[in-house]
């Protein structure tokens, strides 16, 4: 399912998001407000604080790497613990943020067959 070409693209996307957090145009603020509204972030959180959480997750050597498969499209996804909550960061193959949030029930959320586990950042040596 994940051939060598796709794996290279996944690793490049992760490298891109590690270098710079890029949101789809106009989406950063709406994602921030949604996380605040859902209680995932404190009411006074800034975009810089939200991006800092994302940066910590994508740079965590303990992060687990998945791909979310949606039809023919795959989304590299990193999952790591942040302040005693498991956070998920999903990006496009271009390294652009799709979403970042702590799933309510991560074990059930990640058990969805659309998520394919590739290994930890350490195991994949990225």
PDB file of N, CA and C in Angstrom:
ATOM      1  N   UNK A   1       0.814  -1.200   0.000  1.00  0.00           N
ATOM      2  CA  UNK A   1       0.000   0.000   0.000  1.00  0.00           C
ATOM      3  C   UNK A   1       0.859   1.266   0.000  1.00  0.00           C
ATOM      4  N   UNK A   2       1.819   1.337   0.912  1.00  0.00           N
ATOM      5  CA  UNK A   2       2.730   2.484   0.944  1.00  0.00           C
ATOM      6  C   UNK A   2       4.042   2.036   0.298  1.00  0.00           C
ATOM      7  N   UNK A   3       4.185   2.369  -0.972  1.00  0.00           N
ATOM      8  CA  UNK A   3       5.400   1.984  -1.677  1.00  0.00           C
ATOM      9  C   UNK A   3       6.520   2.978  -1.369  1.00  0.00           C
ATOM     10  N   UNK A   4       7.680   2.713  -1.933  1.00  0.00           N
ATOM     11  CA  UNK A   4       8.851   3.541  -1.635  1.00  0.00           C
ATOM     12  C   UNK A   4       8.665   4.990  -2.092  1.00  0.00           C
ATOM     13  N   UNK A   5       8.010   5.201  -3.220  1.00  0.00           N
ATOM     14  CA  UNK A   5       7.780   6.565  -3.714  1.00  0.00           C
ATOM     15  C   UNK A   5       6.888   7.337  -2.747  1.00  0.00           C
ATOM     16  N   UNK A   6       5.813   6.698  -2.278  1.00  0.00           N
ATOM     17  CA  UNK A   6       4.917   7.352  -1.323  1.00  0.00           C
ATOM     18  C   UNK A   6       5.631   7.604  -0.003  1.00  0.00           C
ATOM     19  N   UNK A   7       6.456   6.650   0.425  1.00  0.00           N
ATOM     20  CA  UNK A   7       7.187   6.818   1.682  1.00  0.00           C
ATOM     21  C   UNK A   7       8.123   8.025   1.597  1.00  0.00           C
ATOM     22  N   UNK A   8       8.800   8.184   0.486  1.00  0.00           N
ATOM     23  CA  UNK A   8       9.678   9.347   0.305  1.00  0.00           C
ATOM     24  C   UNK A   8       8.857  10.636   0.376  1.00  0.00           C
ATOM     25  N   UNK A   9       7.697  10.658  -0.264  1.00  0.00           N
ATOM     26  CA  UNK A   9       6.835  11.841  -0.235  1.00  0.00           C
ATOM     27  C   UNK A   9       6.364  12.135   1.189  1.00  0.00           C
ATOM     28  N   UNK A  10       6.045  11.091   1.949  1.00  0.00           N
ATOM     29  CA  UNK A  10       5.619  11.250   3.341  1.00  0.00           C
ATOM     30  C   UNK A  10       6.737  11.869   4.169  1.00  0.00           C
ATOM     31  N   UNK A  11       7.936  11.339   4.014  1.00  0.00           N
ATOM     32  CA  UNK A  11       9.085  11.857   4.768  1.00  0.00           C
ATOM     33  C   UNK A  11       9.398  13.301   4.382  1.00  0.00           C
ATOM     34  N   UNK A  12       9.247  13.632   3.108  1.00  0.00           N
ATOM     35  CA  UNK A  12       9.473  15.009   2.668  1.00  0.00           C
ATOM     36  C   UNK A  12       8.417  15.951   3.254  1.00  0.00           C
ATOM     37  N   UNK A  13       7.178  15.488   3.324  1.00  0.00           N
ATOM     38  CA  UNK A  13       6.106  16.311   3.904  1.00  0.00           C
ATOM     39  C   UNK A  13       6.380  16.581   5.384  1.00  0.00           C
ATOM     40  N   UNK A  14       6.840  15.555   6.095  1.00  0.00           N
ATOM     41  CA  UNK A  14       7.171  15.724   7.508  1.00  0.00           C
ATOM     42  C   UNK A  14       8.329  16.707   7.658  1.00  0.00           C
ATOM     43  N   UNK A  15       9.337  16.575   6.810  1.00  0.00           N
ATOM     44  CA  UNK A  15      10.475  17.509   6.857  1.00  0.00           C
ATOM     45  C   UNK A  15       9.997  18.942   6.594  1.00  0.00           C
ATOM     46  N   UNK A  16       9.074  19.107   5.658  1.00  0.00           N
ATOM     47  CA  UNK A  16       8.547  20.436   5.332  1.00  0.00           C
ATOM     48  C   UNK A  16       7.845  21.068   6.529  1.00  0.00           C
ATOM     49  N   UNK A  17       6.959  20.303   7.183  1.00  0.00           N
ATOM     50  CA  UNK A  17       6.202  20.859   8.311  1.00  0.00           C
ATOM     51  C   UNK A  17       7.122  21.107   9.511  1.00  0.00           C
ATOM     52  N   UNK A  18       8.198  20.356   9.611  1.00  0.00           N
ATOM     53  CA  UNK A  18       9.169  20.611  10.683  1.00  0.00           C
ATOM     54  C   UNK A  18       9.895  21.928  10.457  1.00  0.00           C
ATOM     55  N   UNK A  19      10.087  22.271   9.204  1.00  0.00           N
ATOM     56  CA  UNK A  19      10.780  23.510   8.845  1.00  0.00           C
ATOM     57  C   UNK A  19       9.904  24.730   9.064  1.00  0.00           C
ATOM     58  N   UNK A  20       8.624  24.599   8.659  1.00  0.00           N
ATOM     59  CA  UNK A  20       7.713  25.741   8.762  1.00  0.00           C
ATOM     60  C   UNK A  20       6.280  25.240   8.808  1.00  0.00           C
ATOM     61  N   UNK A  21       5.512  25.790   9.747  1.00  0.00           N
ATOM     62  CA  UNK A  21       4.094  25.475   9.854  1.00  0.00           C
ATOM     63  C   UNK A  21       3.353  26.305   8.807  1.00  0.00           C
ATOM     64  N   UNK A  22       2.741  25.610   7.866  1.00  0.00           N
ATOM     65  CA  UNK A  22       1.951  26.272   6.833  1.00  0.00           C
ATOM     66  C   UNK A  22       0.523  25.752   6.895  1.00  0.00           C
ATOM     67  N   UNK A  23      -0.430  26.664   6.981  1.00  0.00           N
ATOM     68  CA  UNK A  23      -1.847  26.321   6.949  1.00  0.00           C
ATOM     69  C   UNK A  23      -2.385  26.642   5.574  1.00  0.00           C
ATOM     70  N   UNK A  24      -3.473  25.978   5.196  1.00  0.00           N
ATOM     71  CA  UNK A  24      -4.188  26.386   3.988  1.00  0.00           C
ATOM     72  C   UNK A  24      -4.586  27.843   4.182  1.00  0.00           C
ATOM     73  N   UNK A  25      -4.589  28.632   3.107  1.00  0.00           N
ATOM     74  CA  UNK A  25      -4.941  30.046   3.247  1.00  0.00           C
ATOM     75  C   UNK A  25      -6.279  30.237   3.966  1.00  0.00           C
ATOM     76  N   UNK A  26      -6.237  31.089   4.995  1.00  0.00           N
ATOM     77  CA  UNK A  26      -7.445  31.430   5.741  1.00  0.00           C
ATOM     78  C   UNK A  26      -7.908  30.397   6.756  1.00  0.00           C
ATOM     79  N   UNK A  27      -7.171  29.303   6.933  1.00  0.00           N
ATOM     80  CA  UNK A  27      -7.638  28.225   7.811  1.00  0.00           C
ATOM     81  C   UNK A  27      -7.028  28.240   9.213  1.00  0.00           C
ATOM     82  N   UNK A  28      -5.905  28.887   9.404  1.00  0.00           N
ATOM     83  CA  UNK A  28      -5.222  28.848  10.701  1.00  0.00           C
ATOM     84  C   UNK A  28      -6.117  29.366  11.826  1.00  0.00           C
ATOM     85  N   UNK A  29      -6.707  30.520  11.624  1.00  0.00           N
ATOM     86  CA  UNK A  29      -7.524  31.136  12.669  1.00  0.00           C
ATOM     87  C   UNK A  29      -8.772  30.314  12.958  1.00  0.00           C
ATOM     88  N   UNK A  30      -9.426  29.793  11.925  1.00  0.00           N
ATOM     89  CA  UNK A  30     -10.631  28.998  12.160  1.00  0.00           C
ATOM     90  C   UNK A  30     -10.304  27.716  12.929  1.00  0.00           C
ATOM     91  N   UNK A  31      -9.154  27.123  12.639  1.00  0.00           N
ATOM     92  CA  UNK A  31      -8.752  25.932  13.390  1.00  0.00           C
ATOM     93  C   UNK A  31      -8.456  26.285  14.847  1.00  0.00           C
ATOM     94  N   UNK A  32      -7.774  27.407  15.060  1.00  0.00           N
ATOM     95  CA  UNK A  32      -7.480  27.851  16.428  1.00  0.00           C
ATOM     96  C   UNK A  32      -8.776  28.064  17.203  1.00  0.00           C
ATOM     97  N   UNK A  33      -9.710  28.798  16.622  1.00  0.00           N
ATOM     98  CA  UNK A  33     -10.975  29.077  17.313  1.00  0.00           C
ATOM     99  C   UNK A  33     -11.759  27.798  17.594  1.00  0.00           C
ATOM    100  N   UNK A  34     -11.704  26.842  16.681  1.00  0.00           N
ATOM    101  CA  UNK A  34     -12.399  25.566  16.908  1.00  0.00           C
ATOM    102  C   UNK A  34     -11.784  24.826  18.088  1.00  0.00           C
ATOM    103  N   UNK A  35     -10.455  24.810  18.182  1.00  0.00           N
ATOM    104  CA  UNK A  35      -9.781  24.133  19.297  1.00  0.00           C
ATOM    105  C   UNK A  35     -10.126  24.807  20.623  1.00  0.00           C
ATOM    106  N   UNK A  36     -10.231  26.130  20.615  1.00  0.00           N
ATOM    107  CA  UNK A  36     -10.621  26.857  21.831  1.00  0.00           C
ATOM    108  C   UNK A  36     -12.068  26.520  22.184  1.00  0.00           C
ATOM    109  N   UNK A  37     -12.943  26.579  21.203  1.00  0.00           N
ATOM    110  CA  UNK A  37     -14.369  26.307  21.425  1.00  0.00           C
ATOM    111  C   UNK A  37     -14.600  24.898  21.970  1.00  0.00           C
ATOM    112  N   UNK A  38     -13.815  23.940  21.496  1.00  0.00           N
ATOM    113  CA  UNK A  38     -13.968  22.551  21.945  1.00  0.00           C
ATOM    114  C   UNK A  38     -13.223  22.255  23.248  1.00  0.00           C
ATOM    115  N   UNK A  39     -12.538  23.270  23.796  1.00  0.00           N
ATOM    116  CA  UNK A  39     -11.829  23.091  25.055  1.00  0.00           C
ATOM    117  C   UNK A  39     -10.482  22.407  24.925  1.00  0.00           C
ATOM    118  N   UNK A  40      -9.988  22.285  23.700  1.00  0.00           N
ATOM    119  CA  UNK A  40      -8.679  21.675  23.489  1.00  0.00           C
ATOM    120  C   UNK A  40      -7.545  22.629  23.852  1.00  0.00           C
ATOM    121  N   UNK A  41      -7.832  23.912  23.771  1.00  0.00           N
ATOM    122  CA  UNK A  41      -6.859  24.952  24.105  1.00  0.00           C
ATOM    123  C   UNK A  41      -7.526  25.959  25.033  1.00  0.00           C
ATOM    124  N   UNK A  42      -6.747  26.616  25.896  1.00  0.00           N
ATOM    125  CA  UNK A  42      -7.310  27.649  26.769  1.00  0.00           C
ATOM    126  C   UNK A  42      -7.907  28.806  25.960  1.00  0.00           C
ATOM    127  N   UNK A  43      -8.845  29.512  26.557  1.00  0.00           N
ATOM    128  CA  UNK A  43      -9.551  30.613  25.886  1.00  0.00           C
ATOM    129  C   UNK A  43      -8.621  31.709  25.371  1.00  0.00           C
ATOM    130  N   UNK A  44      -7.504  31.906  26.036  1.00  0.00           N
ATOM    131  CA  UNK A  44      -6.596  32.987  25.643  1.00  0.00           C
ATOM    132  C   UNK A  44      -5.457  32.513  24.736  1.00  0.00           C
ATOM    133  N   UNK A  45      -5.593  31.343  24.144  1.00  0.00           N
ATOM    134  CA  UNK A  45      -4.528  30.798  23.279  1.00  0.00           C
ATOM    135  C   UNK A  45      -4.366  31.631  22.015  1.00  0.00           C
ATOM    136  N   UNK A  46      -3.123  31.730  21.585  1.00  0.00           N
ATOM    137  CA  UNK A  46      -2.813  32.444  20.341  1.00  0.00           C
ATOM    138  C   UNK A  46      -2.441  31.424  19.264  1.00  0.00           C
ATOM    139  N   UNK A  47      -2.415  31.894  18.036  1.00  0.00           N
ATOM    140  CA  UNK A  47      -1.990  31.039  16.929  1.00  0.00           C
ATOM    141  C   UNK A  47      -0.540  30.590  17.142  1.00  0.00           C
ATOM    142  N   UNK A  48       0.272  31.464  17.703  1.00  0.00           N
ATOM    143  CA  UNK A  48       1.666  31.107  17.962  1.00  0.00           C
ATOM    144  C   UNK A  48       1.752  29.937  18.963  1.00  0.00           C
ATOM    145  N   UNK A  49       0.894  29.953  19.971  1.00  0.00           N
ATOM    146  CA  UNK A  49       0.887  28.863  20.951  1.00  0.00           C
ATOM    147  C   UNK A  49       0.399  27.552  20.313  1.00  0.00           C
ATOM    148  N   UNK A  50      -0.622  27.640  19.502  1.00  0.00           N
ATOM    149  CA  UNK A  50      -1.142  26.467  18.797  1.00  0.00           C
ATOM    150  C   UNK A  50      -0.064  25.898  17.868  1.00  0.00           C
ATOM    151  N   UNK A  51       0.587  26.763  17.113  1.00  0.00           N
ATOM    152  CA  UNK A  51       1.662  26.321  16.224  1.00  0.00           C
ATOM    153  C   UNK A  51       2.833  25.731  17.005  1.00  0.00           C
ATOM    154  N   UNK A  52       3.078  26.235  18.205  1.00  0.00           N
ATOM    155  CA  UNK A  52       4.160  25.690  19.034  1.00  0.00           C
ATOM    156  C   UNK A  52       3.847  24.250  19.454  1.00  0.00           C
ATOM    157  N   UNK A  53       2.597  23.976  19.753  1.00  0.00           N
ATOM    158  CA  UNK A  53       2.194  22.604  20.083  1.00  0.00           C
ATOM    159  C   UNK A  53       2.417  21.711  18.871  1.00  0.00           C
ATOM    160  N   UNK A  54       1.999  22.178  17.709  1.00  0.00           N
ATOM    161  CA  UNK A  54       2.166  21.415  16.475  1.00  0.00           C
ATOM    162  C   UNK A  54       3.640  21.157  16.208  1.00  0.00           C
ATOM    163  N   UNK A  55       4.458  22.183  16.362  1.00  0.00           N
ATOM    164  CA  UNK A  55       5.900  22.050  16.141  1.00  0.00           C
ATOM    165  C   UNK A  55       6.505  21.015  17.088  1.00  0.00           C
ATOM    166  N   UNK A  56       6.102  21.055  18.353  1.00  0.00           N
ATOM    167  CA  UNK A  56       6.623  20.079  19.326  1.00  0.00           C
ATOM    168  C   UNK A  56       6.235  18.656  18.932  1.00  0.00           C
ATOM    169  N   UNK A  57       5.026  18.472  18.466  1.00  0.00           N
ATOM    170  CA  UNK A  57       4.555  17.136  18.088  1.00  0.00           C
ATOM    171  C   UNK A  57       5.318  16.615  16.880  1.00  0.00           C
ATOM    172  N   UNK A  58       5.431  17.427  15.830  1.00  0.00           N
ATOM    173  CA  UNK A  58       6.086  16.935  14.614  1.00  0.00           C
ATOM    174  C   UNK A  58       7.588  16.740  14.804  1.00  0.00           C
ATOM    175  N   UNK A  59       8.147  17.350  15.842  1.00  0.00           N
ATOM    176  CA  UNK A  59       9.573  17.181  16.121  1.00  0.00           C
ATOM    177  C   UNK A  59       9.845  16.178  17.240  1.00  0.00           C
ATOM    178  N   UNK A  60       8.809  15.595  17.800  1.00  0.00           N
ATOM    179  CA  UNK A  60       8.989  14.647  18.898  1.00  0.00           C
ATOM    180  C   UNK A  60       9.564  13.324  18.403  1.00  0.00           C
ATOM    181  N   UNK A  61      10.671  12.886  18.995  1.00  0.00           N
ATOM    182  CA  UNK A  61      11.225  11.582  18.604  1.00  0.00           C
ATOM    183  C   UNK A  61      10.313  10.429  19.025  1.00  0.00           C
ATOM    184  N   UNK A  62       9.373  10.701  19.921  1.00  0.00           N
ATOM    185  CA  UNK A  62       8.441   9.673  20.393  1.00  0.00           C
ATOM    186  C   UNK A  62       7.170   9.588  19.539  1.00  0.00           C
ATOM    187  N   UNK A  63       7.011  10.521  18.603  1.00  0.00           N
ATOM    188  CA  UNK A  63       5.792  10.557  17.789  1.00  0.00           C
ATOM    189  C   UNK A  63       5.619   9.265  16.999  1.00  0.00           C
ATOM    190  N   UNK A  64       4.365   8.884  16.844  1.00  0.00           N
ATOM    191  CA  UNK A  64       3.988   7.747  16.015  1.00  0.00           C
ATOM    192  C   UNK A  64       3.576   8.316  14.661  1.00  0.00           C
ATOM    193  N   UNK A  65       3.961   7.630  13.598  1.00  0.00           N
ATOM    194  CA  UNK A  65       3.667   8.099  12.249  1.00  0.00           C
ATOM    195  C   UNK A  65       2.624   7.173  11.616  1.00  0.00           C
ATOM    196  N   UNK A  66       1.555   7.798  11.161  1.00  0.00           N
ATOM    197  CA  UNK A  66       0.476   7.105  10.453  1.00  0.00           C
ATOM    198  C   UNK A  66       0.291   7.790   9.103  1.00  0.00           C
ATOM    199  N   UNK A  67      -0.430   7.141   8.231  1.00  0.00           N
ATOM    200  CA  UNK A  67      -1.006   7.836   7.086  1.00  0.00           C
ATOM    201  C   UNK A  67      -2.502   7.610   7.169  1.00  0.00           C
ATOM    202  N   UNK A  68      -3.232   8.665   6.869  1.00  0.00           N
ATOM    203  CA  UNK A  68      -4.672   8.571   6.778  1.00  0.00           C
ATOM    204  C   UNK A  68      -4.984   8.459   5.294  1.00  0.00           C
ATOM    205  N   UNK A  69      -5.661   7.399   4.918  1.00  0.00           N
ATOM    206  CA  UNK A  69      -5.960   7.136   3.517  1.00  0.00           C
ATOM    207  C   UNK A  69      -7.403   7.535   3.232  1.00  0.00           C
ATOM    208  N   UNK A  70      -7.557   8.472   2.304  1.00  0.00           N
ATOM    209  CA  UNK A  70      -8.878   8.946   1.910  1.00  0.00           C
ATOM    210  C   UNK A  70      -8.957   8.823   0.390  1.00  0.00           C
ATOM    211  N   UNK A  71      -9.557   7.747  -0.077  1.00  0.00           N
ATOM    212  CA  UNK A  71      -9.582   7.472  -1.511  1.00  0.00           C
ATOM    213  C   UNK A  71      -8.161   7.237  -2.001  1.00  0.00           C
ATOM    214  N   UNK A  72      -7.743   8.024  -2.954  1.00  0.00           N
ATOM    215  CA  UNK A  72      -6.383   7.919  -3.501  1.00  0.00           C
ATOM    216  C   UNK A  72      -5.397   8.853  -2.791  1.00  0.00           C
ATOM    217  N   UNK A  73      -5.912   9.655  -1.873  1.00  0.00           N
ATOM    218  CA  UNK A  73      -5.086  10.654  -1.197  1.00  0.00           C
ATOM    219  C   UNK A  73      -4.627  10.129   0.156  1.00  0.00           C
ATOM    220  N   UNK A  74      -3.371  10.402   0.472  1.00  0.00           N
ATOM    221  CA  UNK A  74      -2.858  10.033   1.791  1.00  0.00           C
ATOM    222  C   UNK A  74      -2.400  11.291   2.524  1.00  0.00           C
ATOM    223  N   UNK A  75      -2.629  11.267   3.820  1.00  0.00           N
ATOM    224  CA  UNK A  75      -2.257  12.384   4.680  1.00  0.00           C
ATOM    225  C   UNK A  75      -1.318  11.877   5.764  1.00  0.00           C
ATOM    226  N   UNK A  76      -0.041  12.264   5.723  1.00  0.00           N
ATOM    227  CA  UNK A  76       0.852  11.912   6.822  1.00  0.00           C
ATOM    228  C   UNK A  76       0.305  12.479   8.131  1.00  0.00           C
ATOM    229  N   UNK A  77       0.360  11.665   9.167  1.00  0.00           N
ATOM    230  CA  UNK A  77      -0.207  12.042  10.462  1.00  0.00           C
ATOM    231  C   UNK A  77       0.767  11.654  11.558  1.00  0.00           C
ATOM    232  N   UNK A  78       1.085  12.605  12.411  1.00  0.00           N
ATOM    233  CA  UNK A  78       1.959  12.339  13.544  1.00  0.00           C
ATOM    234  C   UNK A  78       1.151  12.450  14.825  1.00  0.00           C
ATOM    235  N   UNK A  79       1.401  11.539  15.748  1.00  0.00           N
ATOM    236  CA  UNK A  79       0.659  11.482  17.000  1.00  0.00           C
ATOM    237  C   UNK A  79       1.667  11.418  18.141  1.00  0.00           C
ATOM    238  N   UNK A  80       1.505  12.337  19.100  1.00  0.00           N
ATOM    239  CA  UNK A  80       2.414  12.364  20.246  1.00  0.00           C
ATOM    240  C   UNK A  80       1.704  12.941  21.460  1.00  0.00           C
ATOM    241  N   UNK A  81       2.251  12.644  22.616  1.00  0.00           N
ATOM    242  CA  UNK A  81       1.710  13.126  23.876  1.00  0.00           C
ATOM    243  C   UNK A  81       2.190  14.546  24.126  1.00  0.00           C
ATOM    244  N   UNK A  82       1.233  15.398  24.500  1.00  0.00           N
ATOM    245  CA  UNK A  82       1.533  16.796  24.804  1.00  0.00           C
ATOM    246  C   UNK A  82       0.718  17.182  26.021  1.00  0.00           C
ATOM    247  N   UNK A  83       1.376  17.491  27.117  1.00  0.00           N
ATOM    248  CA  UNK A  83       0.685  17.872  28.350  1.00  0.00           C
ATOM    249  C   UNK A  83      -0.357  16.826  28.765  1.00  0.00           C
ATOM    250  N   UNK A  84       0.065  15.577  28.742  1.00  0.00           N
ATOM    251  CA  UNK A  84      -0.781  14.438  29.143  1.00  0.00           C
ATOM    252  C   UNK A  84      -2.002  14.228  28.260  1.00  0.00           C
ATOM    253  N   UNK A  85      -1.947  14.710  27.032  1.00  0.00           N
ATOM    254  CA  UNK A  85      -2.994  14.469  26.048  1.00  0.00           C
ATOM    255  C   UNK A  85      -2.335  13.994  24.766  1.00  0.00           C
ATOM    256  N   UNK A  86      -2.940  13.028  24.130  1.00  0.00           N
ATOM    257  CA  UNK A  86      -2.441  12.574  22.840  1.00  0.00           C
ATOM    258  C   UNK A  86      -2.973  13.512  21.757  1.00  0.00           C
ATOM    259  N   UNK A  87      -2.070  14.150  21.027  1.00  0.00           N
ATOM    260  CA  UNK A  87      -2.427  15.070  19.954  1.00  0.00           C
ATOM    261  C   UNK A  87      -2.128  14.425  18.615  1.00  0.00           C
ATOM    262  N   UNK A  88      -2.927  14.764  17.628  1.00  0.00           N
ATOM    263  CA  UNK A  88      -2.778  14.276  16.269  1.00  0.00           C
ATOM    264  C   UNK A  88      -2.538  15.479  15.362  1.00  0.00           C
ATOM    265  N   UNK A  89      -1.540  15.392  14.502  1.00  0.00           N
ATOM    266  CA  UNK A  89      -1.258  16.445  13.524  1.00  0.00           C
ATOM    267  C   UNK A  89      -1.300  15.798  12.144  1.00  0.00           C
ATOM    268  N   UNK A  90      -2.234  16.259  11.311  1.00  0.00           N
ATOM    269  CA  UNK A  90      -2.402  15.711   9.968  1.00  0.00           C
ATOM    270  C   UNK A  90      -1.985  16.758   8.951  1.00  0.00           C
ATOM    271  N   UNK A  91      -1.177  16.331   7.977  1.00  0.00           N
ATOM    272  CA  UNK A  91      -0.679  17.244   6.949  1.00  0.00           C
ATOM    273  C   UNK A  91      -0.934  16.654   5.563  1.00  0.00           C
ATOM    274  N   UNK A  92      -0.814  17.493   4.570  1.00  0.00           N
ATOM    275  CA  UNK A  92      -0.903  17.024   3.189  1.00  0.00           C
ATOM    276  C   UNK A  92       0.479  16.541   2.758  1.00  0.00           C
ATOM    277  N   UNK A  93       0.559  15.913   1.598  1.00  0.00           N
ATOM    278  CA  UNK A  93       1.866  15.496   1.080  1.00  0.00           C
ATOM    279  C   UNK A  93       2.731  16.689   0.690  1.00  0.00           C
ATOM    280  N   UNK A  94       2.130  17.874   0.642  1.00  0.00           N
ATOM    281  CA  UNK A  94       2.891  19.100   0.376  1.00  0.00           C
ATOM    282  C   UNK A  94       3.401  19.740   1.673  1.00  0.00           C
ATOM    283  N   UNK A  95       3.092  19.133   2.808  1.00  0.00           N
ATOM    284  CA  UNK A  95       3.551  19.657   4.090  1.00  0.00           C
ATOM    285  C   UNK A  95       2.677  20.766   4.639  1.00  0.00           C
ATOM    286  N   UNK A  96       1.444  20.883   4.139  1.00  0.00           N
ATOM    287  CA  UNK A  96       0.512  21.905   4.605  1.00  0.00           C
ATOM    288  C   UNK A  96      -0.404  21.278   5.653  1.00  0.00           C
ATOM    289  N   UNK A  97      -0.636  22.018   6.748  1.00  0.00           N
ATOM    290  CA  UNK A  97      -1.479  21.525   7.832  1.00  0.00           C
ATOM    291  C   UNK A  97      -2.902  21.299   7.376  1.00  0.00           C
ATOM    292  N   UNK A  98      -3.437  20.145   7.720  1.00  0.00           N
ATOM    293  CA  UNK A  98      -4.855  19.847   7.507  1.00  0.00           C
ATOM    294  C   UNK A  98      -5.608  20.101   8.814  1.00  0.00           C
ATOM    295  N   UNK A  99      -5.062  19.546   9.926  1.00  0.00           N
ATOM    296  CA  UNK A  99      -5.677  19.728  11.227  1.00  0.00           C
ATOM    297  C   UNK A  99      -4.690  19.301  12.312  1.00  0.00           C
ATOM    298  N   UNK A 100      -4.977  19.723  13.535  1.00  0.00           N
ATOM    299  CA  UNK A 100      -4.203  19.311  14.702  1.00  0.00           C
ATOM    300  C   UNK A 100      -5.123  19.399  15.910  1.00  0.00           C
ATOM    301  N   UNK A 101      -5.281  18.274  16.606  1.00  0.00           N
ATOM    302  CA  UNK A 101      -6.193  18.244  17.744  1.00  0.00           C
ATOM    303  C   UNK A 101      -5.951  16.999  18.591  1.00  0.00           C
ATOM    304  N   UNK A 102      -6.443  17.024  19.832  1.00  0.00           N
ATOM    305  CA  UNK A 102      -6.389  15.821  20.666  1.00  0.00           C
ATOM    306  C   UNK A 102      -7.708  15.051  20.536  1.00  0.00           C
ATOM    307  N   UNK A 103      -7.701  13.898  19.885  1.00  0.00           N
ATOM    308  CA  UNK A 103      -8.954  13.137  19.769  1.00  0.00           C
ATOM    309  C   UNK A 103      -9.488  12.769  21.158  1.00  0.00           C
ATOM    310  N   UNK A 104     -10.807  12.772  21.305  1.00  0.00           N
ATOM    311  CA  UNK A 104     -11.419  12.439  22.588  1.00  0.00           C
ATOM    312  C   UNK A 104     -11.063  11.022  23.032  1.00  0.00           C
ATOM    313  N   UNK A 105     -11.126  10.100  22.128  1.00  0.00           N
ATOM    314  CA  UNK A 105     -10.801   8.697  22.425  1.00  0.00           C
ATOM    315  C   UNK A 105      -9.799   8.208  21.389  1.00  0.00           C
ATOM    316  N   UNK A 106      -8.512   8.557  21.576  1.00  0.00           N
ATOM    317  CA  UNK A 106      -7.515   8.296  20.532  1.00  0.00           C
ATOM    318  C   UNK A 106      -7.398   6.825  20.128  1.00  0.00           C
ATOM    319  N   UNK A 107      -7.556   5.916  21.085  1.00  0.00           N
ATOM    320  CA  UNK A 107      -7.414   4.497  20.738  1.00  0.00           C
ATOM    321  C   UNK A 107      -8.502   4.058  19.762  1.00  0.00           C
ATOM    322  N   UNK A 108      -9.690   4.604  19.904  1.00  0.00           N
ATOM    323  CA  UNK A 108     -10.791   4.284  18.986  1.00  0.00           C
ATOM    324  C   UNK A 108     -10.611   5.058  17.677  1.00  0.00           C
ATOM    325  N   UNK A 109     -10.244   6.315  17.795  1.00  0.00           N
ATOM    326  CA  UNK A 109     -10.046   7.162  16.615  1.00  0.00           C
ATOM    327  C   UNK A 109      -9.001   6.557  15.681  1.00  0.00           C
ATOM    328  N   UNK A 110      -7.857   6.160  16.245  1.00  0.00           N
ATOM    329  CA  UNK A 110      -6.764   5.633  15.431  1.00  0.00           C
ATOM    330  C   UNK A 110      -6.982   4.185  15.000  1.00  0.00           C
ATOM    331  N   UNK A 111      -7.988   3.524  15.578  1.00  0.00           N
ATOM    332  CA  UNK A 111      -8.314   2.157  15.168  1.00  0.00           C
ATOM    333  C   UNK A 111      -9.094   2.138  13.850  1.00  0.00           C
ATOM    334  N   UNK A 112      -9.535   3.304  13.392  1.00  0.00           N
ATOM    335  CA  UNK A 112     -10.225   3.408  12.109  1.00  0.00           C
ATOM    336  C   UNK A 112      -9.305   2.833  11.023  1.00  0.00           C
ATOM    337  N   UNK A 113      -9.850   2.003  10.159  1.00  0.00           N
ATOM    338  CA  UNK A 113      -9.046   1.344   9.131  1.00  0.00           C
ATOM    339  C   UNK A 113      -8.422   2.316   8.132  1.00  0.00           C
ATOM    340  N   UNK A 114      -8.871   3.568   8.106  1.00  0.00           N
ATOM    341  CA  UNK A 114      -8.271   4.566   7.222  1.00  0.00           C
ATOM    342  C   UNK A 114      -6.881   4.983   7.707  1.00  0.00           C
ATOM    343  N   UNK A 115      -6.578   4.737   8.986  1.00  0.00           N
ATOM    344  CA  UNK A 115      -5.258   5.040   9.528  1.00  0.00           C
ATOM    345  C   UNK A 115      -4.352   3.822   9.384  1.00  0.00           C
ATOM    346  N   UNK A 116      -3.217   4.024   8.751  1.00  0.00           N
ATOM    347  CA  UNK A 116      -2.233   2.958   8.580  1.00  0.00           C
ATOM    348  C   UNK A 116      -0.986   3.366   9.355  1.00  0.00           C
ATOM    349  N   UNK A 117      -0.607   2.527  10.324  1.00  0.00           N
ATOM    350  CA  UNK A 117       0.553   2.821  11.165  1.00  0.00           C
ATOM    351  C   UNK A 117       1.834   2.467  10.419  1.00  0.00           C
ATOM    352  N   UNK A 118       2.765   3.411  10.364  1.00  0.00           N
ATOM    353  CA  UNK A 118       4.048   3.170   9.700  1.00  0.00           C
ATOM    354  C   UNK A 118       5.161   2.862  10.684  1.00  0.00           C
ATOM    355  N   UNK A 119       5.057   3.403  11.899  1.00  0.00           N
ATOM    356  CA  UNK A 119       6.099   3.201  12.898  1.00  0.00           C
ATOM    357  C   UNK A 119       6.352   4.497  13.645  1.00  0.00           C
ATOM    358  N   UNK A 120       7.221   4.425  14.612  1.00  0.00           N
ATOM    359  CA  UNK A 120       7.570   5.638  15.365  1.00  0.00           C
ATOM    360  C   UNK A 120       8.618   6.437  14.578  1.00  0.00           C
ATOM    361  N   UNK A 121       8.762   7.690  14.953  1.00  0.00           N
ATOM    362  CA  UNK A 121       9.790   8.526  14.336  1.00  0.00           C
ATOM    363  C   UNK A 121      11.154   7.850  14.506  1.00  0.00           C
ATOM    364  N   UNK A 122      11.408   7.292  15.693  1.00  0.00           N
ATOM    365  CA  UNK A 122      12.680   6.599  15.941  1.00  0.00           C
ATOM    366  C   UNK A 122      12.858   5.406  15.003  1.00  0.00           C
ATOM    367  N   UNK A 123      11.801   4.582  14.901  1.00  0.00           N
ATOM    368  CA  UNK A 123      11.882   3.390  14.053  1.00  0.00           C
ATOM    369  C   UNK A 123      12.103   3.749  12.583  1.00  0.00           C
ATOM    370  N   UNK A 124      11.460   4.814  12.155  1.00  0.00           N
ATOM    371  CA  UNK A 124      11.580   5.233  10.759  1.00  0.00           C
ATOM    372  C   UNK A 124      12.826   6.081  10.520  1.00  0.00           C
ATOM    373  N   UNK A 125      13.516   6.412  11.609  1.00  0.00           N
ATOM    374  CA  UNK A 125      14.749   7.204  11.571  1.00  0.00           C
ATOM    375  C   UNK A 125      14.549   8.534  10.846  1.00  0.00           C
ATOM    376  N   UNK A 126      13.499   9.241  11.285  1.00  0.00           N
ATOM    377  CA  UNK A 126      13.245  10.566  10.699  1.00  0.00           C
ATOM    378  C   UNK A 126      13.305  11.628  11.791  1.00  0.00           C
TER     379      UNK A 126
END
